[in-house]
């Protein structure tokens, strides 16, 4: 997490804010039903930026999507490392 924090501290504030605003305004929910590939949606149980309800809403709009909620916040891949990787690999191998 120290590496991530250091990276965030070096990020241009105006650029980061503009990126966050663009993401906030973006709404692709009406296009999710067109996804035909196997899809894994991972949410962090304690994610304040993208709460589990948002992940569930995405998964519900994609036919056959698998939803997994992990005991993490916004950066589950950094927070959980191997646990996150296992979920992704199991999904890719078809055993999830």
N, C-alpha and C. Protein backbone atom coordinates (compact mmCIF):
# COMPACT_ATOMS: atom_id res chain seq x y z
N UNK A 1 0.82 -1.19 0.00
CA UNK A 1 0.00 0.00 0.00
C UNK A 1 0.87 1.27 0.00
N UNK A 2 2.05 1.18 0.58
CA UNK A 2 2.94 2.35 0.59
C UNK A 2 3.28 2.78 -0.83
N UNK A 3 3.52 1.79 -1.70
CA UNK A 3 3.85 2.10 -3.09
C UNK A 3 2.67 2.80 -3.78
N UNK A 4 1.46 2.33 -3.52
CA UNK A 4 0.27 2.94 -4.11
C UNK A 4 0.09 4.36 -3.57
N UNK A 5 0.27 4.54 -2.28
CA UNK A 5 0.13 5.88 -1.69
C UNK A 5 1.16 6.84 -2.27
N UNK A 6 2.40 6.37 -2.44
CA UNK A 6 3.45 7.22 -3.01
C UNK A 6 3.10 7.60 -4.44
N UNK A 7 2.54 6.67 -5.17
CA UNK A 7 2.13 6.95 -6.55
C UNK A 7 1.03 8.01 -6.57
N UNK A 8 0.07 7.87 -5.67
CA UNK A 8 -1.04 8.83 -5.61
C UNK A 8 -0.54 10.22 -5.23
N UNK A 9 0.43 10.28 -4.34
CA UNK A 9 0.97 11.58 -3.92
C UNK A 9 1.67 12.31 -5.06
N UNK A 10 2.21 11.56 -6.01
CA UNK A 10 2.92 12.16 -7.15
C UNK A 10 1.99 12.53 -8.30
N UNK A 11 0.74 12.11 -8.21
CA UNK A 11 -0.22 12.35 -9.28
C UNK A 11 -0.67 13.80 -9.28
N UNK A 12 -0.74 14.38 -10.46
CA UNK A 12 -1.22 15.75 -10.60
C UNK A 12 -2.66 15.84 -10.11
N UNK A 13 -2.91 16.70 -9.15
CA UNK A 13 -4.24 16.80 -8.53
C UNK A 13 -5.32 17.18 -9.53
N UNK A 14 -5.05 18.15 -10.39
CA UNK A 14 -6.06 18.58 -11.37
C UNK A 14 -6.39 17.45 -12.34
N UNK A 15 -5.39 16.71 -12.77
CA UNK A 15 -5.62 15.59 -13.67
C UNK A 15 -6.42 14.49 -13.01
N UNK A 16 -6.11 14.19 -11.76
CA UNK A 16 -6.84 13.16 -11.01
C UNK A 16 -8.30 13.56 -10.82
N UNK A 17 -8.52 14.80 -10.46
CA UNK A 17 -9.88 15.30 -10.27
C UNK A 17 -10.67 15.21 -11.57
N UNK A 18 -10.05 15.60 -12.69
CA UNK A 18 -10.73 15.54 -13.99
C UNK A 18 -11.07 14.10 -14.35
N UNK A 19 -10.17 13.18 -14.05
CA UNK A 19 -10.43 11.76 -14.32
C UNK A 19 -11.61 11.26 -13.48
N UNK A 20 -11.61 11.60 -12.21
CA UNK A 20 -12.72 11.20 -11.32
C UNK A 20 -14.05 11.77 -11.80
N UNK A 21 -14.03 13.00 -12.24
CA UNK A 21 -15.26 13.62 -12.74
C UNK A 21 -15.75 12.91 -14.00
N UNK A 22 -14.83 12.54 -14.88
CA UNK A 22 -15.22 11.83 -16.11
C UNK A 22 -15.84 10.48 -15.77
N UNK A 23 -15.25 9.77 -14.82
CA UNK A 23 -15.79 8.47 -14.42
C UNK A 23 -17.17 8.65 -13.78
N UNK A 24 -17.31 9.68 -12.95
CA UNK A 24 -18.60 9.95 -12.29
C UNK A 24 -19.71 10.18 -13.31
N UNK A 25 -19.38 10.88 -14.39
CA UNK A 25 -20.39 11.22 -15.39
C UNK A 25 -20.66 10.09 -16.39
N UNK A 26 -19.76 9.14 -16.46
CA UNK A 26 -19.89 8.05 -17.41
C UNK A 26 -20.95 7.05 -16.92
N UNK A 27 -21.85 6.67 -17.79
CA UNK A 27 -22.86 5.69 -17.44
C UNK A 27 -23.01 4.72 -18.61
N UNK A 28 -22.54 3.52 -18.41
CA UNK A 28 -22.58 2.50 -19.46
C UNK A 28 -23.56 1.38 -19.13
N UNK A 29 -24.39 1.56 -18.10
CA UNK A 29 -25.29 0.49 -17.68
C UNK A 29 -26.18 -0.03 -18.79
N UNK A 30 -26.63 0.85 -19.67
CA UNK A 30 -27.52 0.41 -20.74
C UNK A 30 -26.80 -0.45 -21.78
N UNK A 31 -25.48 -0.47 -21.76
CA UNK A 31 -24.71 -1.25 -22.73
C UNK A 31 -24.24 -2.59 -22.17
N UNK A 32 -24.38 -2.80 -20.86
CA UNK A 32 -23.86 -4.01 -20.23
C UNK A 32 -24.54 -5.27 -20.74
N UNK A 33 -25.79 -5.20 -21.08
CA UNK A 33 -26.51 -6.36 -21.58
C UNK A 33 -25.96 -6.89 -22.89
N UNK A 34 -25.17 -6.09 -23.57
CA UNK A 34 -24.58 -6.51 -24.84
C UNK A 34 -23.30 -7.30 -24.68
N UNK A 35 -22.82 -7.44 -23.45
CA UNK A 35 -21.59 -8.21 -23.22
C UNK A 35 -21.93 -9.68 -23.32
N UNK A 36 -21.24 -10.38 -24.20
CA UNK A 36 -21.52 -11.80 -24.41
C UNK A 36 -20.42 -12.72 -23.93
N UNK A 37 -19.32 -12.16 -23.50
CA UNK A 37 -18.21 -12.98 -23.03
C UNK A 37 -18.36 -13.30 -21.55
N UNK A 38 -17.75 -14.39 -21.12
CA UNK A 38 -17.76 -14.69 -19.68
C UNK A 38 -17.20 -13.49 -18.92
N UNK A 39 -17.87 -13.14 -17.85
CA UNK A 39 -17.52 -11.92 -17.12
C UNK A 39 -17.45 -12.18 -15.63
N UNK A 40 -16.40 -11.68 -15.02
CA UNK A 40 -16.22 -11.74 -13.58
C UNK A 40 -16.26 -10.32 -13.04
N UNK A 41 -17.14 -10.07 -12.10
CA UNK A 41 -17.24 -8.76 -11.45
C UNK A 41 -16.79 -8.95 -10.00
N UNK A 42 -15.75 -8.23 -9.63
CA UNK A 42 -15.21 -8.32 -8.27
C UNK A 42 -15.45 -7.01 -7.55
N UNK A 43 -15.98 -7.12 -6.34
CA UNK A 43 -16.22 -5.93 -5.52
C UNK A 43 -15.57 -6.12 -4.17
N UNK A 44 -15.16 -5.00 -3.58
CA UNK A 44 -14.64 -5.02 -2.22
C UNK A 44 -15.77 -4.73 -1.25
N UNK A 45 -15.90 -5.55 -0.23
CA UNK A 45 -16.99 -5.39 0.73
C UNK A 45 -16.97 -4.04 1.44
N UNK A 46 -15.78 -3.45 1.54
CA UNK A 46 -15.64 -2.17 2.24
C UNK A 46 -15.25 -1.03 1.30
N UNK A 47 -15.60 -1.15 0.05
CA UNK A 47 -15.21 -0.14 -0.93
C UNK A 47 -16.17 1.04 -0.89
N UNK A 48 -15.69 2.22 -0.43
CA UNK A 48 -16.58 3.37 -0.38
C UNK A 48 -16.77 4.03 -1.75
N UNK A 49 -15.80 3.86 -2.65
CA UNK A 49 -15.88 4.50 -3.96
C UNK A 49 -16.78 3.74 -4.92
N UNK A 50 -16.68 2.43 -4.90
CA UNK A 50 -17.51 1.56 -5.75
C UNK A 50 -18.07 0.47 -4.84
N UNK A 51 -19.13 0.76 -4.13
CA UNK A 51 -19.66 -0.19 -3.14
C UNK A 51 -20.17 -1.48 -3.77
N UNK A 52 -20.29 -2.54 -2.98
CA UNK A 52 -20.76 -3.82 -3.49
C UNK A 52 -22.07 -3.72 -4.28
N UNK A 53 -22.96 -2.85 -3.88
CA UNK A 53 -24.23 -2.71 -4.60
C UNK A 53 -23.99 -2.32 -6.06
N UNK A 54 -22.97 -1.51 -6.30
CA UNK A 54 -22.64 -1.10 -7.68
C UNK A 54 -22.13 -2.30 -8.47
N UNK A 55 -21.28 -3.10 -7.85
CA UNK A 55 -20.77 -4.30 -8.52
C UNK A 55 -21.89 -5.29 -8.82
N UNK A 56 -22.78 -5.47 -7.87
CA UNK A 56 -23.92 -6.37 -8.08
C UNK A 56 -24.80 -5.87 -9.22
N UNK A 57 -25.01 -4.56 -9.29
CA UNK A 57 -25.84 -3.99 -10.36
C UNK A 57 -25.21 -4.26 -11.72
N UNK A 58 -23.89 -4.16 -11.81
CA UNK A 58 -23.20 -4.45 -13.07
C UNK A 58 -23.37 -5.92 -13.42
N UNK A 59 -23.10 -6.80 -12.46
CA UNK A 59 -23.20 -8.24 -12.71
C UNK A 59 -24.61 -8.66 -13.12
N UNK A 60 -25.61 -8.05 -12.52
CA UNK A 60 -27.00 -8.40 -12.85
C UNK A 60 -27.37 -8.04 -14.28
N UNK A 61 -26.69 -7.09 -14.86
CA UNK A 61 -27.01 -6.64 -16.22
C UNK A 61 -26.26 -7.43 -17.30
N UNK A 62 -25.31 -8.27 -16.87
CA UNK A 62 -24.52 -9.06 -17.82
C UNK A 62 -24.95 -10.52 -17.68
N UNK A 63 -25.51 -11.07 -18.73
CA UNK A 63 -26.01 -12.44 -18.69
C UNK A 63 -24.90 -13.41 -18.31
N UNK A 64 -25.15 -14.17 -17.26
CA UNK A 64 -24.22 -15.20 -16.82
C UNK A 64 -23.00 -14.70 -16.06
N UNK A 65 -22.95 -13.42 -15.75
CA UNK A 65 -21.79 -12.88 -15.04
C UNK A 65 -21.67 -13.51 -13.66
N UNK A 66 -20.43 -13.68 -13.23
CA UNK A 66 -20.16 -14.17 -11.88
C UNK A 66 -19.78 -12.97 -11.03
N UNK A 67 -20.40 -12.86 -9.87
CA UNK A 67 -20.11 -11.77 -8.93
C UNK A 67 -19.38 -12.34 -7.72
N UNK A 68 -18.28 -11.71 -7.35
CA UNK A 68 -17.53 -12.12 -6.17
C UNK A 68 -17.27 -10.88 -5.32
N UNK A 69 -17.56 -11.01 -4.04
CA UNK A 69 -17.31 -9.92 -3.10
C UNK A 69 -16.18 -10.36 -2.17
N UNK A 70 -15.14 -9.56 -2.11
CA UNK A 70 -13.97 -9.89 -1.31
C UNK A 70 -13.87 -8.98 -0.09
N UNK A 71 -13.24 -9.46 0.98
CA UNK A 71 -13.08 -8.65 2.19
C UNK A 71 -11.97 -7.62 2.01
N UNK A 72 -12.26 -6.60 1.24
CA UNK A 72 -11.28 -5.58 0.91
C UNK A 72 -12.01 -4.26 0.68
N UNK A 73 -11.22 -3.23 0.34
CA UNK A 73 -11.80 -1.95 -0.01
C UNK A 73 -11.67 -1.75 -1.52
N UNK A 74 -11.13 -0.64 -1.96
CA UNK A 74 -11.13 -0.28 -3.37
C UNK A 74 -10.05 -0.97 -4.20
N UNK A 75 -8.96 -1.35 -3.59
CA UNK A 75 -7.86 -1.96 -4.33
C UNK A 75 -7.66 -3.41 -3.87
N UNK A 76 -8.67 -4.22 -4.10
CA UNK A 76 -8.64 -5.61 -3.63
C UNK A 76 -7.44 -6.37 -4.16
N UNK A 77 -7.04 -6.08 -5.38
CA UNK A 77 -5.88 -6.79 -5.94
C UNK A 77 -4.59 -6.46 -5.19
N UNK A 78 -4.49 -5.27 -4.63
CA UNK A 78 -3.32 -4.88 -3.84
C UNK A 78 -3.49 -5.36 -2.41
N UNK A 79 -4.66 -5.19 -1.86
CA UNK A 79 -4.91 -5.54 -0.46
C UNK A 79 -4.83 -7.04 -0.21
N UNK A 80 -5.34 -7.83 -1.14
CA UNK A 80 -5.41 -9.28 -0.91
C UNK A 80 -4.37 -10.07 -1.69
N UNK A 81 -3.79 -9.49 -2.71
CA UNK A 81 -2.74 -10.15 -3.47
C UNK A 81 -3.12 -11.54 -3.96
N UNK A 82 -2.59 -12.55 -3.29
CA UNK A 82 -2.80 -13.94 -3.72
C UNK A 82 -4.27 -14.35 -3.71
N UNK A 83 -5.04 -13.86 -2.74
CA UNK A 83 -6.46 -14.21 -2.68
C UNK A 83 -7.23 -13.69 -3.89
N UNK A 84 -6.92 -12.48 -4.28
CA UNK A 84 -7.54 -11.88 -5.46
C UNK A 84 -7.12 -12.66 -6.71
N UNK A 85 -5.84 -12.93 -6.81
CA UNK A 85 -5.32 -13.66 -7.97
C UNK A 85 -5.98 -15.03 -8.09
N UNK A 86 -6.19 -15.71 -6.98
CA UNK A 86 -6.83 -17.03 -7.01
C UNK A 86 -8.24 -16.94 -7.58
N UNK A 87 -8.99 -15.94 -7.16
CA UNK A 87 -10.36 -15.76 -7.67
C UNK A 87 -10.33 -15.57 -9.19
N UNK A 88 -9.42 -14.74 -9.67
CA UNK A 88 -9.33 -14.47 -11.11
C UNK A 88 -8.88 -15.73 -11.86
N UNK A 89 -7.86 -16.40 -11.36
CA UNK A 89 -7.38 -17.61 -12.05
C UNK A 89 -8.42 -18.71 -12.05
N UNK A 90 -9.13 -18.89 -10.94
CA UNK A 90 -10.20 -19.90 -10.91
C UNK A 90 -11.26 -19.58 -11.95
N UNK A 91 -11.61 -18.31 -12.07
CA UNK A 91 -12.60 -17.91 -13.07
C UNK A 91 -12.09 -18.21 -14.48
N UNK A 92 -10.85 -17.85 -14.74
CA UNK A 92 -10.28 -18.07 -16.07
C UNK A 92 -10.15 -19.55 -16.42
N UNK A 93 -9.92 -20.36 -15.39
CA UNK A 93 -9.80 -21.81 -15.60
C UNK A 93 -11.18 -22.48 -15.69
N UNK A 94 -12.22 -21.73 -15.34
CA UNK A 94 -13.56 -22.27 -15.41
C UNK A 94 -13.99 -23.05 -14.18
N UNK A 95 -13.22 -22.96 -13.09
CA UNK A 95 -13.58 -23.72 -11.90
C UNK A 95 -14.20 -22.86 -10.81
N UNK A 96 -14.45 -21.59 -11.13
CA UNK A 96 -15.04 -20.70 -10.12
C UNK A 96 -16.53 -20.76 -10.16
